[in-house]
Amino acid sequence: MADQLPNVPELLQTAVRSLGGAERTSQLTMASAVAHSIDTGEHLAVQAGTGTGKSLAYLVPSLRHAVESGRTVVVSTATIALQRQLVDRDLPRLADALKKPLGRRAEFAILKGRNNYLCMNKIHTGASEQPPEDELFDPFTVSRLGREVVRLTEWSSDTETGDRDELVPGVSDQAWRQVSVTSRECIGKNQCPVGEDCFAERARVEASKADVVVTNHALLAIDAITGIQILPDHDVVVIDEAHELVDRVTGVATADLTASSISAAARRCGKIAEEQDADRLEAAGEGWAGLLEELRPGRWEGLPDGAAPALAAIRDAAWSLRTAIGPAKPGMAAADPEAAAARNAALSSVDDVHDSAVRILTAFDEPDPAKRKDVVWLSSDEFRGSVRRSVRMAPLSVGGLLRSRLFAESTVVLT
């Protein structure tokens, strides 16, 4: 098929003429460089100035490669605006323009993380979450939350994609959490009564059939560094808005531990486990809150006095609670989807608490600060007159992760 397809300069010329644009030398130069990178498997970093028309410069060789090889090309962006531009404008017009020379109309899709889509099972079962403890008795928060959830429920009957970004105007994060789940909270399409009608699963199916899949840096990072495959098999990744990549990957790899997150995990687990086990975690969270109140915000060079036993108490209580919940009973998800969803949500929250406590405890195992992998700090933020304190940890550098998990696996074009 390779001999039958026009080369990239010819395809670019066809596309530009069809779209009513003007040929630009810089655009052709970039398109040729991208094509060479894809053909040779060599990584490429290319800076395109204003007016280059760079989306066309990387999409044309990407579509050609996908049609020729049958392999998917992933295009990752940092912003929703660029994703929408690619999916709503650039790719549809380009697919039409190149249909004849490529022999067929190229397919494309957009794919986001699971929690960006409505969960119809959660809407149907009414398995909503409580607001954080400091918002439970705030009349404004509760009434606003109720209005937003009603609006989301009504929208669920009209939307074709369930994609949060298509809801205008948007809603608060707290409201969205009432109608969405993370990948760890999901009970799975084979167990869920919604099954293949799930918005997130439908998006994955569409992505699996696409020549080009548009995604965001955060999902690309999750797919690359966690070992959990979300994106379809691919051999080329084009990273637009590449200057944002490190920050987005760092964000994905950042964790935090707050008294409110510990309390929320205890409340969730208390609904399905022994009260005494949940109370133990709640007490550990209260101890953590008291400790943080005594400390100054800023970077930790080591564990402050009292932090090690407080973290050990959180770790052990979370692990005991998880053990108490135990494995899911066979057929539980099919028999009682609401209970299965609540169980997954509880396990997800207590796992996050446990893993964060362990990560902070082990962050300073390396005595040489220059060899440590994580940076740990205490942040303090004001929220409606109250102060929220959080211990956060992030990798000092994500370069190694990107090198071994992304650049070693695919041909990467950065622009």
Foldseek 3Di string as FASTA:
>chain_A
DVVQFDDLVVLLVLLCVLVVHDDDPLLQVLLVVLLVCAVVVAAAEDDDDPPSPNVSSNVSSLQLCCLVPVFAEEEAEADPVVVCCVPVPVQVSSQVSCQVSSVHRAAEAEAEFQLQFFFVLLLVVQLFAQDFPVCNPPVVVVVLLVVLLVVLSVVVVPDPQRGQVVDPPHHDPNSSRSGTDGPLLDPDLVLAPCRCVGNNNVRQVSQQNGRYYYYYLLVVLCCQQVVDHRGHGHFEYEYEVQVCNFVSNQVNQKAKAFLRLQLRLLVLLVVQFPNVLSVQSNVLSVVVNVVLVPDDWDWDPAQPPPLLVSLVSNLVSLVVSLVRSPDDDPSCSNVPVSVSSSSSVSNVSSVSSNVVSVCRNCQCVDVDPVPGFKIWTWDWDDDPRDITIMIMITGPGCVVSCVVRPSVRHHYYYD
